[in-house]
Amino acid sequence: MNSVKIKRKRPKRSEIMVGGIYACKHPSFSTKIEIEVTKVLEESVVCKIVSCDPTDEQLTKDLLGITVVNFKNIWWTVQEPPKAESQKVEVKVTNPRKIGDKTKAKPILVHFADGHVLKYNTARDVDLSLGYKKGFVYRTLNRYQKTKNHGVVYVEYEDSDRTEPLDFIKNNPQKGAIHVFTENGEVIAEGTIAELASKTGYSRDRLYHLKYHGTNKKVVIK
């Protein structure tokens, strides 16, 4: 057998692996045999008989060249098992953003109470220019929101195709997110939740319950 001989050293159990070739003793064979491990069990290995004494060749044929050897009967390593190739982790980009295609980030429009509109490429640009954090920008999308420095603003994506006018933001620059209270299809009151509580007599908790849990919602965001 052509193999690379290494220093005779009894392998540890953890070192006995599939593909390794080992010299060992076997109670059925007259002298040592060399085996190639094909499967590792709890206390033994299943293996192919690689070489044996000529007097044991018939036994090898009877066993079809396969036998089982206990760990304690493996004497030394004849050839190291092949090293497992390092697995490369392939990272797939499922939604890449490329300039010029539909995956490009959507521009953001910020409407102010005095009627002027500013356009930004990303929420980060809004943060750098106006001081609104990205989380605030995303939470404010498609709604009126009161801000400390600019009164009421309305934030939307450029391609949102909003059709209703922005008259409210121009006429009520000091109000925050606006809600309306409806009854039988008629708007009874509008304003913040606190203002609705004052106008309708409902508590704030009751108004929030109507807003989120009512079957026919009386309170909606305008």
N, C-alpha and C. Protein backbone atom coordinates (compact mmCIF):
# COMPACT_ATOMS: atom_id res chain seq x y z
N MET A 1 0.83 -1.19 0.00
CA MET A 1 0.00 0.00 0.00
C MET A 1 0.87 1.24 0.00
N ASN A 2 0.59 2.19 -0.89
CA ASN A 2 1.33 3.44 -0.92
C ASN A 2 0.68 4.43 0.04
N SER A 3 1.38 4.79 1.06
CA SER A 3 0.86 5.75 2.03
C SER A 3 2.01 6.51 2.64
N VAL A 4 1.68 7.67 3.17
CA VAL A 4 2.70 8.50 3.81
C VAL A 4 2.82 8.06 5.25
N LYS A 5 3.96 7.54 5.60
CA LYS A 5 4.16 7.05 6.95
C LYS A 5 4.44 8.22 7.88
N ILE A 6 3.81 8.17 9.03
CA ILE A 6 4.09 9.19 10.02
C ILE A 6 4.51 8.50 11.31
N LYS A 7 4.93 9.30 12.28
CA LYS A 7 5.40 8.76 13.54
C LYS A 7 4.29 7.96 14.22
N ARG A 8 4.68 6.78 14.70
CA ARG A 8 3.69 5.92 15.33
C ARG A 8 3.20 6.57 16.62
N LYS A 9 1.93 6.90 16.64
CA LYS A 9 1.35 7.55 17.81
C LYS A 9 -0.09 7.09 17.94
N ARG A 10 -0.42 6.63 19.13
CA ARG A 10 -1.79 6.16 19.35
C ARG A 10 -2.74 7.36 19.26
N PRO A 11 -3.71 7.32 18.37
CA PRO A 11 -4.60 8.47 18.23
C PRO A 11 -5.62 8.54 19.37
N LYS A 12 -6.01 9.75 19.71
CA LYS A 12 -7.10 9.92 20.67
C LYS A 12 -8.42 9.59 19.96
N ARG A 13 -9.43 9.30 20.75
CA ARG A 13 -10.72 8.96 20.16
C ARG A 13 -11.22 10.09 19.26
N SER A 14 -11.03 11.33 19.71
CA SER A 14 -11.52 12.47 18.93
C SER A 14 -10.77 12.63 17.62
N GLU A 15 -9.58 12.00 17.51
CA GLU A 15 -8.77 12.12 16.30
C GLU A 15 -9.09 11.04 15.28
N ILE A 16 -9.82 10.01 15.70
CA ILE A 16 -10.17 8.92 14.79
C ILE A 16 -11.37 9.35 13.97
N MET A 17 -11.15 9.56 12.70
CA MET A 17 -12.19 10.11 11.85
C MET A 17 -12.30 9.33 10.54
N VAL A 18 -13.40 9.53 9.86
CA VAL A 18 -13.63 8.87 8.57
C VAL A 18 -12.54 9.28 7.58
N GLY A 19 -11.99 8.30 6.87
CA GLY A 19 -10.95 8.56 5.89
C GLY A 19 -9.56 8.32 6.42
N GLY A 20 -9.41 8.24 7.75
CA GLY A 20 -8.10 7.95 8.33
C GLY A 20 -7.75 6.47 8.20
N ILE A 21 -6.45 6.18 8.06
CA ILE A 21 -5.98 4.79 7.95
C ILE A 21 -5.16 4.46 9.20
N TYR A 22 -5.49 3.35 9.85
CA TYR A 22 -4.90 3.03 11.15
C TYR A 22 -4.44 1.57 11.18
N ALA A 23 -3.36 1.36 11.94
CA ALA A 23 -2.89 0.00 12.21
C ALA A 23 -3.58 -0.47 13.49
N CYS A 24 -4.04 -1.71 13.48
CA CYS A 24 -4.77 -2.18 14.65
C CYS A 24 -4.67 -3.70 14.76
N LYS A 25 -5.16 -4.21 15.87
CA LYS A 25 -5.24 -5.66 16.03
C LYS A 25 -6.71 -6.07 15.99
N HIS A 26 -6.90 -7.31 15.56
CA HIS A 26 -8.27 -7.82 15.45
C HIS A 26 -8.24 -9.28 15.90
N PRO A 27 -9.15 -9.70 16.77
CA PRO A 27 -9.08 -11.08 17.31
C PRO A 27 -9.18 -12.16 16.24
N SER A 28 -9.73 -11.87 15.07
CA SER A 28 -9.87 -12.90 14.03
C SER A 28 -8.66 -13.02 13.14
N PHE A 29 -7.75 -12.01 13.19
CA PHE A 29 -6.59 -12.00 12.31
C PHE A 29 -5.35 -12.41 13.09
N SER A 30 -4.42 -13.02 12.39
CA SER A 30 -3.22 -13.55 13.04
C SER A 30 -2.25 -12.46 13.43
N THR A 31 -2.15 -11.40 12.64
CA THR A 31 -1.25 -10.28 12.94
C THR A 31 -2.03 -8.98 12.75
N LYS A 32 -1.31 -7.87 12.90
CA LYS A 32 -1.96 -6.55 12.77
C LYS A 32 -2.50 -6.38 11.35
N ILE A 33 -3.51 -5.55 11.27
CA ILE A 33 -4.06 -5.18 9.97
C ILE A 33 -4.15 -3.65 9.89
N GLU A 34 -4.26 -3.17 8.67
CA GLU A 34 -4.45 -1.74 8.47
C GLU A 34 -5.85 -1.53 7.90
N ILE A 35 -6.55 -0.57 8.50
CA ILE A 35 -7.94 -0.35 8.11
C ILE A 35 -8.17 1.12 7.75
N GLU A 36 -9.17 1.35 6.90
CA GLU A 36 -9.60 2.71 6.59
C GLU A 36 -11.00 2.91 7.16
N VAL A 37 -11.16 3.90 8.01
CA VAL A 37 -12.42 4.12 8.71
C VAL A 37 -13.47 4.66 7.74
N THR A 38 -14.64 4.04 7.75
CA THR A 38 -15.76 4.52 6.92
C THR A 38 -16.90 5.07 7.76
N LYS A 39 -16.94 4.66 9.04
CA LYS A 39 -17.99 5.17 9.93
C LYS A 39 -17.52 5.07 11.36
N VAL A 40 -17.76 6.10 12.16
CA VAL A 40 -17.35 6.13 13.56
C VAL A 40 -18.58 5.89 14.43
N LEU A 41 -18.51 4.87 15.29
CA LEU A 41 -19.58 4.56 16.23
C LEU A 41 -19.19 5.05 17.62
N GLU A 42 -19.98 4.70 18.64
CA GLU A 42 -19.70 5.19 19.99
C GLU A 42 -18.42 4.58 20.57
N GLU A 43 -18.21 3.27 20.38
CA GLU A 43 -17.05 2.61 20.97
C GLU A 43 -16.17 1.92 19.93
N SER A 44 -16.55 2.02 18.66
CA SER A 44 -15.79 1.32 17.63
C SER A 44 -15.96 2.02 16.29
N VAL A 45 -15.31 1.48 15.27
CA VAL A 45 -15.41 2.03 13.94
C VAL A 45 -15.73 0.93 12.94
N VAL A 46 -16.48 1.28 11.93
CA VAL A 46 -16.68 0.38 10.79
C VAL A 46 -15.61 0.74 9.78
N CYS A 47 -14.96 -0.24 9.18
CA CYS A 47 -13.81 0.08 8.35
C CYS A 47 -13.62 -0.92 7.21
N LYS A 48 -12.85 -0.49 6.24
CA LYS A 48 -12.41 -1.36 5.15
C LYS A 48 -11.03 -1.89 5.50
N ILE A 49 -10.79 -3.15 5.18
CA ILE A 49 -9.47 -3.74 5.44
C ILE A 49 -8.56 -3.35 4.28
N VAL A 50 -7.53 -2.55 4.59
CA VAL A 50 -6.61 -2.05 3.56
C VAL A 50 -5.49 -3.05 3.30
N SER A 51 -4.92 -3.62 4.36
CA SER A 51 -3.85 -4.61 4.20
C SER A 51 -3.85 -5.57 5.38
N CYS A 52 -3.34 -6.76 5.13
CA CYS A 52 -3.26 -7.77 6.18
C CYS A 52 -2.17 -8.77 5.82
N ASP A 53 -1.90 -9.70 6.71
CA ASP A 53 -0.91 -10.74 6.44
C ASP A 53 -1.46 -11.68 5.35
N PRO A 54 -0.57 -12.15 4.45
CA PRO A 54 -1.03 -13.06 3.37
C PRO A 54 -1.83 -14.26 3.88
N THR A 55 -1.52 -14.73 5.08
CA THR A 55 -2.24 -15.90 5.60
C THR A 55 -3.71 -15.55 5.94
N ASP A 56 -4.03 -14.24 6.03
CA ASP A 56 -5.39 -13.82 6.39
C ASP A 56 -6.20 -13.32 5.19
N GLU A 57 -5.66 -13.48 3.99
CA GLU A 57 -6.35 -12.95 2.81
C GLU A 57 -7.71 -13.62 2.59
N GLN A 58 -7.78 -14.94 2.86
CA GLN A 58 -9.07 -15.63 2.68
C GLN A 58 -10.12 -15.10 3.67
N LEU A 59 -9.67 -14.81 4.89
CA LEU A 59 -10.58 -14.25 5.88
C LEU A 59 -11.09 -12.89 5.43
N THR A 60 -10.19 -12.12 4.85
CA THR A 60 -10.59 -10.80 4.34
C THR A 60 -11.66 -10.93 3.27
N LYS A 61 -11.49 -11.93 2.39
CA LYS A 61 -12.49 -12.15 1.35
C LYS A 61 -13.82 -12.59 1.94
N ASP A 62 -13.74 -13.45 2.98
CA ASP A 62 -14.97 -13.90 3.62
C ASP A 62 -15.73 -12.74 4.26
N LEU A 63 -14.98 -11.77 4.74
CA LEU A 63 -15.60 -10.59 5.38
C LEU A 63 -15.97 -9.51 4.37
N LEU A 64 -15.71 -9.80 3.08
CA LEU A 64 -15.95 -8.82 2.01
C LEU A 64 -15.15 -7.54 2.20
N GLY A 65 -14.03 -7.68 2.91
CA GLY A 65 -13.12 -6.55 3.11
C GLY A 65 -13.61 -5.53 4.12
N ILE A 66 -14.64 -5.88 4.88
CA ILE A 66 -15.22 -4.94 5.86
C ILE A 66 -15.26 -5.60 7.23
N THR A 67 -14.91 -4.81 8.26
CA THR A 67 -14.96 -5.33 9.63
C THR A 67 -15.22 -4.19 10.60
N VAL A 68 -15.28 -4.54 11.89
CA VAL A 68 -15.48 -3.56 12.96
C VAL A 68 -14.34 -3.69 13.94
N VAL A 69 -13.78 -2.55 14.35
CA VAL A 69 -12.64 -2.56 15.28
C VAL A 69 -12.96 -1.64 16.45
N ASN A 70 -12.70 -2.13 17.66
CA ASN A 70 -12.91 -1.35 18.87
C ASN A 70 -11.84 -0.26 18.97
N PHE A 71 -12.19 0.89 19.55
CA PHE A 71 -11.22 1.99 19.70
C PHE A 71 -9.94 1.52 20.40
N LYS A 72 -10.10 0.69 21.44
CA LYS A 72 -8.93 0.30 22.23
C LYS A 72 -7.96 -0.59 21.45
N ASN A 73 -8.44 -1.14 20.31
CA ASN A 73 -7.58 -1.99 19.51
C ASN A 73 -6.88 -1.25 18.36
N ILE A 74 -7.12 0.04 18.26
CA ILE A 74 -6.41 0.84 17.25
C ILE A 74 -5.06 1.26 17.84
N TRP A 75 -4.00 0.87 17.15
CA TRP A 75 -2.67 1.08 17.70
C TRP A 75 -2.08 2.43 17.33
N TRP A 76 -1.97 2.67 16.06
CA TRP A 76 -1.37 3.95 15.65
C TRP A 76 -1.95 4.41 14.31
N THR A 77 -1.65 5.66 13.99
CA THR A 77 -2.15 6.26 12.74
C THR A 77 -1.16 5.99 11.63
N VAL A 78 -1.64 5.42 10.54
CA VAL A 78 -0.82 5.21 9.35
C VAL A 78 -0.93 6.42 8.43
N GLN A 79 -2.14 6.92 8.30
CA GLN A 79 -2.36 8.10 7.45
C GLN A 79 -3.47 8.94 8.07
N GLU A 80 -3.20 10.24 8.20
CA GLU A 80 -4.17 11.14 8.81
C GLU A 80 -5.44 11.21 7.96
N PRO A 81 -6.59 11.39 8.61
CA PRO A 81 -7.82 11.59 7.84
C PRO A 81 -7.75 12.92 7.09
N PRO A 82 -8.39 13.02 5.94
CA PRO A 82 -8.35 14.29 5.20
C PRO A 82 -8.98 15.41 6.00
N LYS A 83 -8.38 16.58 5.91
CA LYS A 83 -8.90 17.74 6.63
C LYS A 83 -10.13 18.27 5.91
N ALA A 84 -11.14 18.60 6.72
CA ALA A 84 -12.37 19.14 6.13
C ALA A 84 -12.09 20.53 5.59
N GLU A 85 -12.56 20.77 4.37
CA GLU A 85 -12.38 22.08 3.77
C GLU A 85 -13.22 23.11 4.52
N SER A 86 -12.63 24.27 4.71
CA SER A 86 -13.35 25.33 5.40
C SER A 86 -14.56 25.74 4.57
N GLN A 87 -15.68 25.83 5.23
CA GLN A 87 -16.91 26.19 4.54
C GLN A 87 -17.01 27.70 4.40
N LYS A 88 -17.18 28.13 3.18
CA LYS A 88 -17.33 29.56 2.92
C LYS A 88 -18.80 29.94 3.01
N VAL A 89 -19.06 30.98 3.77
CA VAL A 89 -20.43 31.46 3.92
C VAL A 89 -20.73 32.43 2.80
N GLU A 90 -21.70 32.07 2.01
CA GLU A 90 -22.08 32.91 0.88
C GLU A 90 -23.25 33.81 1.29
N VAL A 91 -23.03 35.10 1.20
CA VAL A 91 -24.06 36.06 1.56
C VAL A 91 -24.75 36.53 0.29
N LYS A 92 -26.05 36.30 0.23
CA LYS A 92 -26.81 36.70 -0.93
C LYS A 92 -27.61 37.96 -0.62
N VAL A 93 -27.51 38.91 -1.48
CA VAL A 93 -28.27 40.14 -1.32
C VAL A 93 -29.58 39.95 -2.07
N THR A 94 -30.67 39.88 -1.31
CA THR A 94 -31.95 39.59 -1.94
C THR A 94 -32.64 40.83 -2.50
N ASN A 95 -32.27 41.98 -1.97
CA ASN A 95 -32.92 43.19 -2.45
C ASN A 95 -31.90 44.31 -2.59
N PRO A 96 -30.97 44.17 -3.53
CA PRO A 96 -29.92 45.19 -3.66
C PRO A 96 -30.49 46.51 -4.17
N ARG A 97 -29.90 47.59 -3.70
CA ARG A 97 -30.29 48.90 -4.20
C ARG A 97 -29.31 49.34 -5.26
N LYS A 98 -29.80 49.58 -6.43
CA LYS A 98 -28.94 50.00 -7.53
C LYS A 98 -29.45 51.31 -8.08
N ILE A 99 -28.52 52.20 -8.38
CA ILE A 99 -28.89 53.49 -8.92
C ILE A 99 -29.57 53.31 -10.27
N GLY A 100 -30.72 53.92 -10.42
CA GLY A 100 -31.40 53.88 -11.69
C GLY A 100 -32.48 52.83 -11.81
N ASP A 101 -32.65 51.95 -10.82
CA ASP A 101 -33.73 50.98 -10.91
C ASP A 101 -34.75 51.20 -9.79
N LYS A 102 -35.75 50.34 -9.74
CA LYS A 102 -36.85 50.56 -8.83
C LYS A 102 -36.48 50.30 -7.37
N THR A 103 -35.32 49.69 -7.12
CA THR A 103 -34.93 49.41 -5.75
C THR A 103 -34.22 50.59 -5.10
N LYS A 104 -34.03 51.67 -5.82
CA LYS A 104 -33.37 52.85 -5.27
C LYS A 104 -34.23 53.43 -4.15
N ALA A 105 -33.60 53.98 -3.13
CA ALA A 105 -34.33 54.55 -2.01
C ALA A 105 -35.26 55.65 -2.49
N LYS A 106 -36.47 55.69 -1.92
CA LYS A 106 -37.46 56.67 -2.35
C LYS A 106 -37.15 58.04 -1.74
N PRO A 107 -37.22 59.11 -2.53
CA PRO A 107 -37.06 60.46 -1.97
C PRO A 107 -38.21 60.76 -1.00
N ILE A 108 -37.93 61.59 0.01
CA ILE A 108 -38.89 61.93 1.05
C ILE A 108 -39.21 63.41 0.95
N LEU A 109 -40.51 63.75 1.03
CA LEU A 109 -40.96 65.13 1.01
C LEU A 109 -41.41 65.53 2.41
N VAL A 110 -41.00 66.72 2.86
CA VAL A 110 -41.44 67.26 4.14
C VAL A 110 -42.21 68.54 3.87
N HIS A 111 -43.51 68.56 4.21
CA HIS A 111 -44.36 69.73 4.01
C HIS A 111 -44.40 70.54 5.31
N PHE A 112 -44.23 71.84 5.20
CA PHE A 112 -44.24 72.72 6.37
C PHE A 112 -45.51 73.56 6.38
N ALA A 113 -45.79 74.15 7.57
CA ALA A 113 -47.04 74.89 7.75
C ALA A 113 -47.14 76.12 6.84
N ASP A 114 -46.02 76.73 6.46
CA ASP A 114 -46.08 77.91 5.61
C ASP A 114 -46.23 77.56 4.13
N GLY A 115 -46.34 76.27 3.82
CA GLY A 115 -46.60 75.85 2.46
C GLY A 115 -45.39 75.37 1.68
N HIS A 116 -44.16 75.63 2.17
CA HIS A 116 -43.02 75.19 1.38
C HIS A 116 -42.71 73.72 1.66
N VAL A 117 -42.09 73.09 0.69
CA VAL A 117 -41.81 71.65 0.74
C VAL A 117 -40.32 71.43 0.48
N LEU A 118 -39.70 70.56 1.27
CA LEU A 118 -38.30 70.20 1.06
C LEU A 118 -38.22 68.73 0.68
N LYS A 119 -37.31 68.44 -0.22
CA LYS A 119 -37.13 67.07 -0.71
C LYS A 119 -35.79 66.53 -0.25
N TYR A 120 -35.77 65.30 0.26
CA TYR A 120 -34.56 64.65 0.72
C TYR A 120 -34.48 63.24 0.12
N ASN A 121 -33.26 62.80 -0.10
CA ASN A 121 -33.07 61.48 -0.71
C ASN A 121 -33.31 60.34 0.27
N THR A 122 -32.92 60.53 1.54
CA THR A 122 -33.07 59.48 2.54
C THR A 122 -33.50 60.08 3.87
N ALA A 123 -33.93 59.22 4.79
CA ALA A 123 -34.29 59.67 6.13
C ALA A 123 -33.07 60.23 6.85
N ARG A 124 -31.89 59.72 6.53
CA ARG A 124 -30.67 60.25 7.15
C ARG A 124 -30.45 61.70 6.72
N ASP A 125 -30.75 62.01 5.47
CA ASP A 125 -30.61 63.39 5.00
C ASP A 125 -31.56 64.31 5.75
N VAL A 126 -32.77 63.81 6.04
CA VAL A 126 -33.72 64.60 6.84
C VAL A 126 -33.14 64.87 8.22
N ASP A 127 -32.54 63.86 8.80
CA ASP A 127 -31.92 63.99 10.13
C ASP A 127 -30.81 65.03 10.11
N LEU A 128 -29.94 64.95 9.11
CA LEU A 128 -28.81 65.88 9.04
C LEU A 128 -29.26 67.32 8.81
N SER A 129 -30.35 67.49 8.06
CA SER A 129 -30.81 68.83 7.71
C SER A 129 -31.72 69.43 8.78
N LEU A 130 -32.69 68.66 9.25
CA LEU A 130 -33.71 69.21 10.15
C LEU A 130 -33.55 68.74 11.59
N GLY A 131 -32.74 67.72 11.80
CA GLY A 131 -32.55 67.22 13.16
C GLY A 131 -33.60 66.20 13.57
N TYR A 132 -34.41 65.70 12.61
CA TYR A 132 -35.39 64.66 12.93
C TYR A 132 -34.71 63.30 12.80
N LYS A 133 -34.77 62.48 13.83
CA LYS A 133 -34.16 61.15 13.79
C LYS A 133 -34.87 60.28 12.76
N LYS A 134 -34.15 59.28 12.24
CA LYS A 134 -34.73 58.40 11.22
C LYS A 134 -36.00 57.72 11.72
N GLY A 135 -35.98 57.29 12.99
CA GLY A 135 -37.17 56.65 13.53
C GLY A 135 -38.37 57.59 13.52
N PHE A 136 -38.13 58.86 13.84
CA PHE A 136 -39.21 59.85 13.81
C PHE A 136 -39.75 60.01 12.39
N VAL A 137 -38.83 60.05 11.42
CA VAL A 137 -39.25 60.23 10.02
C VAL A 137 -40.14 59.07 9.59
N TYR A 138 -39.73 57.85 9.88
CA TYR A 138 -40.51 56.69 9.46
C TYR A 138 -41.85 56.60 10.21
N ARG A 139 -41.86 56.99 11.49
CA ARG A 139 -43.12 56.97 12.25
C ARG A 139 -44.08 58.05 11.75
N THR A 140 -43.54 59.14 11.21
CA THR A 140 -44.35 60.28 10.81
C THR A 140 -44.86 60.16 9.37
N LEU A 141 -44.39 59.17 8.63
CA LEU A 141 -44.79 59.05 7.23
C LEU A 141 -46.31 59.02 7.10
N ASN A 142 -46.81 59.85 6.17
CA ASN A 142 -48.24 59.90 5.84
C ASN A 142 -49.11 60.33 7.01
N ARG A 143 -48.64 61.27 7.80
CA ARG A 143 -49.45 61.81 8.88
C ARG A 143 -48.94 63.18 9.26
N TYR A 144 -49.79 63.95 9.92
CA TYR A 144 -49.39 65.24 10.46
C TYR A 144 -48.71 65.02 11.79
N GLN A 145 -47.66 65.80 12.05
CA GLN A 145 -46.93 65.62 13.30
C GLN A 145 -46.41 66.96 13.78
N LYS A 146 -46.64 67.26 15.03
CA LYS A 146 -46.14 68.50 15.61
C LYS A 146 -44.66 68.35 15.94
N THR A 147 -43.86 69.35 15.57
CA THR A 147 -42.43 69.35 15.88
C THR A 147 -42.08 70.58 16.69
N LYS A 148 -40.97 70.52 17.38
CA LYS A 148 -40.58 71.60 18.27
C LYS A 148 -40.20 72.87 17.52
N ASN A 149 -39.48 72.71 16.42
CA ASN A 149 -38.94 73.87 15.72
C ASN A 149 -39.75 74.32 14.52
N HIS A 150 -40.60 73.45 13.99
CA HIS A 150 -41.28 73.79 12.74
C HIS A 150 -42.79 73.67 12.81
N GLY A 151 -43.36 73.63 14.01
CA GLY A 151 -44.80 73.49 14.12
C GLY A 151 -45.25 72.14 13.60
N VAL A 152 -46.31 72.12 12.80
CA VAL A 152 -46.82 70.88 12.25
C VAL A 152 -46.19 70.63 10.88
N VAL A 153 -45.73 69.39 10.66
CA VAL A 153 -45.16 69.00 9.37
C VAL A 153 -45.91 67.76 8.89
N TYR A 154 -45.80 67.51 7.59
CA TYR A 154 -46.37 66.30 6.99
C TYR A 154 -45.27 65.64 6.18
N VAL A 155 -44.97 64.37 6.47
CA VAL A 155 -43.87 63.66 5.81
C VAL A 155 -44.45 62.56 4.92
N GLU A 156 -43.94 62.45 3.70
CA GLU A 156 -44.42 61.42 2.78
C GLU A 156 -43.33 61.07 1.79
N TYR A 157 -43.46 59.89 1.17
CA TYR A 157 -42.59 59.54 0.06
C TYR A 157 -43.03 60.33 -1.17
N GLU A 158 -42.08 60.63 -2.03
CA GLU A 158 -42.38 61.45 -3.20
C GLU A 158 -43.43 60.79 -4.10
N ASP A 159 -43.40 59.46 -4.20
CA ASP A 159 -44.31 58.77 -5.10
C ASP A 159 -45.54 58.20 -4.38
N SER A 160 -45.92 58.81 -3.25
CA SER A 160 -47.05 58.27 -2.49
C SER A 160 -48.39 58.57 -3.14
N ASP A 161 -48.41 59.51 -4.14
CA ASP A 161 -49.64 59.82 -4.87
C ASP A 161 -50.78 60.25 -3.96
N ARG A 162 -50.44 61.05 -2.94
CA ARG A 162 -51.48 61.55 -2.04
C ARG A 162 -52.34 62.55 -2.78
N THR A 163 -53.65 62.47 -2.62
CA THR A 163 -54.55 63.34 -3.38
C THR A 163 -55.20 64.42 -2.53
N GLU A 164 -55.39 64.19 -1.21
CA GLU A 164 -56.07 65.20 -0.41
C GLU A 164 -55.17 66.42 -0.22
N PRO A 165 -55.76 67.61 -0.09
CA PRO A 165 -54.98 68.84 0.04
C PRO A 165 -54.31 68.95 1.40
N LEU A 166 -53.34 69.83 1.50
CA LEU A 166 -52.63 70.05 2.76
C LEU A 166 -53.12 71.32 3.44
N ASP A 167 -54.40 71.66 3.24
CA ASP A 167 -54.93 72.89 3.82
C ASP A 167 -54.86 72.87 5.34
N PHE A 168 -55.07 71.68 5.93
CA PHE A 168 -55.09 71.63 7.39
C PHE A 168 -53.76 72.09 7.98
N ILE A 169 -52.68 71.62 7.41
CA ILE A 169 -51.37 71.97 7.97
C ILE A 169 -51.10 73.46 7.84
N LYS A 170 -51.64 74.09 6.80
CA LYS A 170 -51.45 75.53 6.62
C LYS A 170 -52.29 76.32 7.61
N ASN A 171 -53.49 75.82 7.91
CA ASN A 171 -54.43 76.56 8.77
C ASN A 171 -54.26 76.26 10.25
N ASN A 172 -53.58 75.15 10.58
CA ASN A 172 -53.41 74.77 11.98
C ASN A 172 -51.96 74.43 12.27
N PRO A 173 -51.08 75.40 12.16
CA PRO A 173 -49.65 75.11 12.27
C PRO A 173 -49.20 74.70 13.67
N GLN A 174 -50.03 74.91 14.71
CA GLN A 174 -49.59 74.61 16.06
C GLN A 174 -50.11 73.28 16.58
N LYS A 175 -50.94 72.60 15.80
CA LYS A 175 -51.51 71.34 16.28
C LYS A 175 -50.61 70.16 15.94
N GLY A 176 -50.77 69.09 16.72
CA GLY A 176 -50.01 67.89 16.45
C GLY A 176 -50.80 66.94 15.56
N ALA A 177 -50.57 65.64 15.71
CA ALA A 177 -51.30 64.66 14.90
C ALA A 177 -52.80 64.81 15.15
N ILE A 178 -53.59 64.89 14.09
CA ILE A 178 -55.00 65.23 14.22
C ILE A 178 -55.88 64.00 14.11
N HIS A 179 -56.89 63.94 14.98
CA HIS A 179 -57.88 62.88 14.97
C HIS A 179 -59.25 63.51 14.81
N VAL A 180 -60.17 62.75 14.24
CA VAL A 180 -61.55 63.24 14.15
C VAL A 180 -62.46 62.25 14.86
N PHE A 181 -63.52 62.77 15.47
CA PHE A 181 -64.52 61.95 16.14
C PHE A 181 -65.78 62.00 15.30
N THR A 182 -66.20 60.84 14.83
CA THR A 182 -67.36 60.81 13.95
C THR A 182 -68.51 60.06 14.61
N GLU A 183 -69.71 60.45 14.24
CA GLU A 183 -70.90 59.78 14.76
C GLU A 183 -71.96 59.83 13.67
N ASN A 184 -72.43 58.65 13.27
CA ASN A 184 -73.39 58.54 12.17
C ASN A 184 -72.86 59.20 10.90
N GLY A 185 -71.54 59.04 10.70
CA GLY A 185 -70.93 59.58 9.49
C GLY A 185 -70.64 61.06 9.54
N GLU A 186 -70.97 61.73 10.64
CA GLU A 186 -70.76 63.17 10.76
C GLU A 186 -69.60 63.45 11.69
N VAL A 187 -68.73 64.39 11.31
CA VAL A 187 -67.60 64.75 12.16
C VAL A 187 -68.10 65.63 13.30
N ILE A 188 -67.99 65.14 14.51
CA ILE A 188 -68.44 65.87 15.69
C ILE A 188 -67.36 66.80 16.22
N ALA A 189 -66.10 66.31 16.23
CA ALA A 189 -64.99 67.11 16.74
C ALA A 189 -63.71 66.64 16.10
N GLU A 190 -62.71 67.50 16.10
CA GLU A 190 -61.41 67.11 15.60
C GLU A 190 -60.32 67.82 16.40
N GLY A 191 -59.14 67.23 16.39
CA GLY A 191 -58.01 67.77 17.15
C GLY A 191 -57.17 66.64 17.69
N THR A 192 -56.41 66.94 18.72
CA THR A 192 -55.62 65.89 19.36
C THR A 192 -56.53 65.05 20.24
N ILE A 193 -56.03 63.95 20.76
CA ILE A 193 -56.83 63.11 21.65
C ILE A 193 -57.27 63.90 22.86
N ALA A 194 -56.39 64.74 23.39
CA ALA A 194 -56.74 65.56 24.56
C ALA A 194 -57.88 66.51 24.23
N GLU A 195 -57.84 67.11 23.04
CA GLU A 195 -58.90 68.03 22.64
C GLU A 195 -60.21 67.30 22.41
N LEU A 196 -60.14 66.09 21.83
CA LEU A 196 -61.36 65.31 21.64
C LEU A 196 -61.99 64.95 22.98
N ALA A 197 -61.14 64.65 23.97
CA ALA A 197 -61.66 64.31 25.30
C ALA A 197 -62.42 65.50 25.89
N SER A 198 -61.89 66.69 25.68
CA SER A 198 -62.54 67.90 26.21
C SER A 198 -63.84 68.19 25.48
N LYS A 199 -63.86 67.97 24.17
CA LYS A 199 -65.03 68.34 23.36
C LYS A 199 -66.16 67.31 23.46
N THR A 200 -65.78 66.02 23.59
CA THR A 200 -66.81 64.98 23.55
C THR A 200 -67.21 64.47 24.92
N GLY A 201 -66.37 64.69 25.93
CA GLY A 201 -66.68 64.19 27.26
C GLY A 201 -66.15 62.79 27.52
N TYR A 202 -65.62 62.12 26.50
CA TYR A 202 -65.01 60.81 26.69
C TYR A 202 -63.63 60.98 27.31
N SER A 203 -63.23 59.98 28.09
CA SER A 203 -61.86 60.01 28.62
C SER A 203 -60.88 59.66 27.50
N ARG A 204 -59.61 59.98 27.70
CA ARG A 204 -58.59 59.65 26.69
C ARG A 204 -58.50 58.13 26.48
N ASP A 205 -58.58 57.39 27.59
CA ASP A 205 -58.52 55.93 27.46
C ASP A 205 -59.67 55.42 26.62
N ARG A 206 -60.88 55.99 26.83
CA ARG A 206 -62.04 55.56 26.06
C ARG A 206 -61.87 55.90 24.58
N LEU A 207 -61.30 57.06 24.30
CA LEU A 207 -61.07 57.46 22.91
C LEU A 207 -60.06 56.54 22.24
N TYR A 208 -58.99 56.19 22.97
CA TYR A 208 -58.01 55.26 22.40
C TYR A 208 -58.65 53.89 22.16
N HIS A 209 -59.54 53.48 23.06
CA HIS A 209 -60.22 52.20 22.87
C HIS A 209 -61.09 52.23 21.62
N LEU A 210 -61.83 53.34 21.44
CA LEU A 210 -62.66 53.47 20.25
C LEU A 210 -61.81 53.49 18.99
N LYS A 211 -60.62 54.08 19.13
CA LYS A 211 -59.73 54.21 17.96
C LYS A 211 -59.20 52.85 17.52
N TYR A 212 -58.78 52.03 18.47
CA TYR A 212 -58.09 50.79 18.11
C TYR A 212 -58.98 49.55 18.16
N HIS A 213 -60.12 49.62 18.91
CA HIS A 213 -60.90 48.40 19.11
C HIS A 213 -62.35 48.51 18.67
N GLY A 214 -62.80 49.68 18.30
CA GLY A 214 -64.20 49.84 17.91
C GLY A 214 -64.50 49.11 16.60
N THR A 215 -65.68 48.48 16.52
CA THR A 215 -66.05 47.80 15.27
C THR A 215 -66.35 48.83 14.19
N ASN A 216 -67.05 49.91 14.57
CA ASN A 216 -67.23 51.06 13.67
C ASN A 216 -66.45 52.21 14.30
N LYS A 217 -65.23 52.38 13.87
CA LYS A 217 -64.32 53.31 14.54
C LYS A 217 -64.87 54.73 14.50
N LYS A 218 -65.00 55.31 15.69
CA LYS A 218 -65.44 56.70 15.76
C LYS A 218 -64.28 57.66 15.69
N VAL A 219 -63.08 57.18 16.08
CA VAL A 219 -61.90 58.05 16.12
C VAL A 219 -60.91 57.55 15.07
N VAL A 220 -60.57 58.42 14.15
CA VAL A 220 -59.61 58.05 13.09
C VAL A 220 -58.60 59.14 12.93
N ILE A 221 -57.40 58.76 12.42
CA ILE A 221 -56.38 59.77 12.13
C ILE A 221 -56.72 60.46 10.83
N LYS A 222 -56.66 61.76 10.85
CA LYS A 222 -56.97 62.52 9.63
C LYS A 222 -55.72 62.72 8.79
